[in-house]
Amino acid sequence: MRWRRALEVERLSQQFEPLEHRRKVIVGMGSPMVFDVMDPVRPTSLIWEHWVRALTAASRTNSSLYVIDPAASPAK
């Protein structure tokens, strides 16, 4: 399932390509178990290729990915 999220990041980033010279933000809302953005373990990870493609697409379009965990404790 994590590879699907990587594909979504790639797909969203590619949609931003026509918007040049602007920063773009992709926000994922949910628990880290749902929207895990941890680096996969290379070379044993099955999603490594998808992860690299997603990050490449985000980098090419000047997109940033942020994850908001609504269950996280508030900062003090």
N, C-alpha and C. Protein backbone atom coordinates (compact mmCIF):
# COMPACT_ATOMS: atom_id res chain seq x y z
N MET A 1 0.80 -1.20 0.00
CA MET A 1 0.00 0.00 0.00
C MET A 1 0.85 1.27 0.00
N ARG A 2 2.03 1.22 0.60
CA ARG A 2 2.88 2.43 0.62
C ARG A 2 3.28 2.84 -0.78
N TRP A 3 3.40 1.89 -1.70
CA TRP A 3 3.77 2.24 -3.06
C TRP A 3 2.67 3.05 -3.72
N ARG A 4 1.41 2.82 -3.33
CA ARG A 4 0.31 3.62 -3.89
C ARG A 4 0.42 5.07 -3.46
N ARG A 5 0.82 5.32 -2.22
CA ARG A 5 0.99 6.70 -1.77
C ARG A 5 2.14 7.35 -2.51
N ALA A 6 3.19 6.60 -2.78
CA ALA A 6 4.30 7.15 -3.56
C ALA A 6 3.82 7.50 -4.96
N LEU A 7 2.98 6.65 -5.55
CA LEU A 7 2.44 6.94 -6.88
C LEU A 7 1.55 8.18 -6.85
N GLU A 8 0.80 8.37 -5.78
CA GLU A 8 -0.05 9.56 -5.66
C GLU A 8 0.79 10.83 -5.57
N VAL A 9 1.88 10.78 -4.80
CA VAL A 9 2.78 11.94 -4.72
C VAL A 9 3.35 12.23 -6.11
N GLU A 10 3.75 11.20 -6.82
CA GLU A 10 4.28 11.38 -8.17
C GLU A 10 3.22 11.98 -9.09
N ARG A 11 2.00 11.45 -9.04
CA ARG A 11 0.92 11.92 -9.91
C ARG A 11 0.57 13.38 -9.60
N LEU A 12 0.44 13.71 -8.33
CA LEU A 12 0.13 15.09 -7.95
C LEU A 12 1.24 16.04 -8.37
N SER A 13 2.47 15.63 -8.17
CA SER A 13 3.61 16.47 -8.57
C SER A 13 3.60 16.72 -10.07
N GLN A 14 3.30 15.71 -10.85
CA GLN A 14 3.27 15.87 -12.30
C GLN A 14 2.17 16.83 -12.74
N GLN A 15 1.07 16.88 -12.00
CA GLN A 15 0.01 17.83 -12.34
C GLN A 15 0.44 19.27 -12.13
N PHE A 16 1.45 19.48 -11.29
CA PHE A 16 1.95 20.83 -11.03
C PHE A 16 2.94 21.31 -12.08
N GLU A 17 3.38 20.45 -12.99
CA GLU A 17 4.42 20.83 -13.95
C GLU A 17 4.11 22.10 -14.75
N PRO A 18 2.87 22.32 -15.19
CA PRO A 18 2.62 23.56 -15.96
C PRO A 18 2.80 24.85 -15.15
N LEU A 19 2.79 24.76 -13.83
CA LEU A 19 2.94 25.95 -12.98
C LEU A 19 4.41 26.20 -12.70
N GLU A 20 5.04 26.92 -13.57
CA GLU A 20 6.48 27.16 -13.44
C GLU A 20 6.77 28.31 -12.48
N HIS A 21 7.97 28.28 -11.92
CA HIS A 21 8.50 29.35 -11.07
C HIS A 21 7.63 29.62 -9.85
N ARG A 22 6.99 28.59 -9.33
CA ARG A 22 6.19 28.73 -8.11
C ARG A 22 6.45 27.51 -7.24
N ARG A 23 6.40 27.73 -5.93
CA ARG A 23 6.49 26.61 -4.99
C ARG A 23 5.13 25.96 -4.86
N LYS A 24 5.12 24.65 -4.73
CA LYS A 24 3.87 23.92 -4.56
C LYS A 24 3.96 23.08 -3.29
N VAL A 25 2.81 22.84 -2.66
CA VAL A 25 2.76 22.08 -1.43
C VAL A 25 1.74 20.95 -1.56
N ILE A 26 2.15 19.76 -1.16
CA ILE A 26 1.25 18.61 -1.07
C ILE A 26 1.13 18.30 0.42
N VAL A 27 -0.11 18.29 0.93
CA VAL A 27 -0.34 18.05 2.35
C VAL A 27 -1.07 16.72 2.51
N GLY A 28 -0.50 15.82 3.27
CA GLY A 28 -1.14 14.56 3.60
C GLY A 28 -1.63 14.62 5.03
N MET A 29 -2.90 14.33 5.25
CA MET A 29 -3.45 14.37 6.60
C MET A 29 -3.81 12.95 7.04
N GLY A 30 -3.28 12.55 8.17
CA GLY A 30 -3.56 11.22 8.70
C GLY A 30 -2.41 10.74 9.55
N SER A 31 -2.60 9.59 10.13
CA SER A 31 -1.57 9.04 11.00
C SER A 31 -0.36 8.62 10.16
N PRO A 32 0.81 8.60 10.77
CA PRO A 32 2.00 8.15 10.03
C PRO A 32 1.86 6.73 9.48
N MET A 33 1.00 5.93 10.11
CA MET A 33 0.78 4.57 9.59
C MET A 33 0.04 4.61 8.24
N VAL A 34 -0.76 5.65 8.04
CA VAL A 34 -1.52 5.79 6.80
C VAL A 34 -0.70 6.50 5.74
N PHE A 35 0.00 7.55 6.14
CA PHE A 35 0.76 8.34 5.18
C PHE A 35 2.22 8.39 5.61
N ASP A 36 2.88 7.27 5.53
CA ASP A 36 4.26 7.14 5.98
C ASP A 36 5.20 7.70 4.92
N VAL A 37 5.99 8.70 5.31
CA VAL A 37 6.94 9.30 4.37
C VAL A 37 8.38 8.95 4.72
N MET A 38 8.56 7.93 5.54
CA MET A 38 9.91 7.49 5.88
C MET A 38 10.60 6.94 4.64
N ASP A 39 11.91 7.15 4.56
CA ASP A 39 12.66 6.59 3.45
C ASP A 39 12.61 5.08 3.50
N PRO A 40 12.30 4.43 2.38
CA PRO A 40 12.33 2.97 2.38
C PRO A 40 13.76 2.47 2.47
N VAL A 41 13.91 1.27 2.98
CA VAL A 41 15.24 0.67 3.12
C VAL A 41 15.69 0.19 1.75
N ARG A 42 16.76 0.77 1.28
CA ARG A 42 17.30 0.41 -0.02
C ARG A 42 18.18 -0.79 0.14
N PRO A 43 18.43 -1.63 -0.65
CA PRO A 43 17.80 -2.11 -1.88
C PRO A 43 16.75 -3.19 -1.62
N THR A 44 16.46 -3.45 -0.34
CA THR A 44 15.53 -4.54 -0.04
C THR A 44 14.07 -4.11 -0.16
N SER A 45 13.81 -2.82 -0.20
CA SER A 45 12.43 -2.34 -0.24
C SER A 45 11.81 -2.54 -1.62
N LEU A 46 10.59 -3.02 -1.62
CA LEU A 46 9.87 -3.21 -2.88
C LEU A 46 9.35 -1.89 -3.44
N ILE A 47 9.31 -0.86 -2.60
CA ILE A 47 8.78 0.41 -3.10
C ILE A 47 9.88 1.41 -3.47
N TRP A 48 11.14 1.00 -3.39
CA TRP A 48 12.24 1.93 -3.64
C TRP A 48 12.10 2.65 -4.98
N GLU A 49 11.82 1.94 -6.03
CA GLU A 49 11.70 2.55 -7.37
C GLU A 49 10.56 3.58 -7.39
N HIS A 50 9.41 3.24 -6.78
CA HIS A 50 8.27 4.15 -6.74
C HIS A 50 8.61 5.40 -5.93
N TRP A 51 9.31 5.20 -4.81
CA TRP A 51 9.70 6.30 -3.94
C TRP A 51 10.63 7.26 -4.67
N VAL A 52 11.61 6.74 -5.37
CA VAL A 52 12.56 7.58 -6.10
C VAL A 52 11.84 8.37 -7.19
N ARG A 53 10.92 7.71 -7.91
CA ARG A 53 10.17 8.41 -8.96
C ARG A 53 9.30 9.53 -8.36
N ALA A 54 8.68 9.27 -7.20
CA ALA A 54 7.85 10.28 -6.56
C ALA A 54 8.68 11.49 -6.13
N LEU A 55 9.84 11.24 -5.51
CA LEU A 55 10.70 12.34 -5.08
C LEU A 55 11.29 13.10 -6.26
N THR A 56 11.60 12.40 -7.33
CA THR A 56 12.12 13.05 -8.53
C THR A 56 11.07 13.97 -9.13
N ALA A 57 9.82 13.50 -9.21
CA ALA A 57 8.73 14.31 -9.76
C ALA A 57 8.50 15.54 -8.87
N ALA A 58 8.50 15.35 -7.55
CA ALA A 58 8.29 16.48 -6.64
C ALA A 58 9.43 17.49 -6.76
N SER A 59 10.63 17.01 -6.88
CA SER A 59 11.78 17.90 -7.02
C SER A 59 11.73 18.68 -8.33
N ARG A 60 11.39 18.01 -9.38
CA ARG A 60 11.34 18.64 -10.71
C ARG A 60 10.30 19.77 -10.76
N THR A 61 9.21 19.62 -9.99
CA THR A 61 8.14 20.63 -10.01
C THR A 61 8.20 21.59 -8.84
N ASN A 62 9.29 21.54 -8.05
CA ASN A 62 9.47 22.41 -6.89
C ASN A 62 8.33 22.23 -5.89
N SER A 63 7.97 20.97 -5.63
CA SER A 63 6.88 20.64 -4.71
C SER A 63 7.45 20.13 -3.39
N SER A 64 6.76 20.47 -2.32
CA SER A 64 7.13 19.98 -0.99
C SER A 64 5.99 19.14 -0.45
N LEU A 65 6.34 18.13 0.33
CA LEU A 65 5.35 17.24 0.93
C LEU A 65 5.39 17.41 2.44
N TYR A 66 4.22 17.70 3.03
CA TYR A 66 4.08 17.82 4.46
C TYR A 66 3.01 16.85 4.92
N VAL A 67 3.21 16.26 6.10
CA VAL A 67 2.24 15.33 6.67
C VAL A 67 1.77 15.89 8.00
N ILE A 68 0.45 15.96 8.16
CA ILE A 68 -0.16 16.43 9.41
C ILE A 68 -0.83 15.24 10.08
N ASP A 69 -0.43 14.98 11.32
CA ASP A 69 -1.02 13.90 12.11
C ASP A 69 -1.98 14.53 13.11
N PRO A 70 -3.30 14.46 12.84
CA PRO A 70 -4.26 15.11 13.74
C PRO A 70 -4.29 14.50 15.14
N ALA A 71 -3.79 13.29 15.30
CA ALA A 71 -3.80 12.64 16.61
C ALA A 71 -2.55 12.97 17.43
N ALA A 72 -1.60 13.65 16.85
CA ALA A 72 -0.36 13.98 17.57
C ALA A 72 -0.65 14.96 18.69
N SER A 73 0.12 14.85 19.75
CA SER A 73 -0.08 15.76 20.87
C SER A 73 0.35 17.17 20.47
N PRO A 74 -0.35 18.19 20.96
CA PRO A 74 0.00 19.57 20.60
C PRO A 74 1.34 19.97 21.20
N ALA A 75 2.04 20.85 20.48
CA ALA A 75 3.35 21.33 20.96
C ALA A 75 3.12 22.29 22.13
N LYS A 76 4.07 22.26 23.06
CA LYS A 76 3.96 23.14 24.23
C LYS A 76 5.05 24.18 24.18
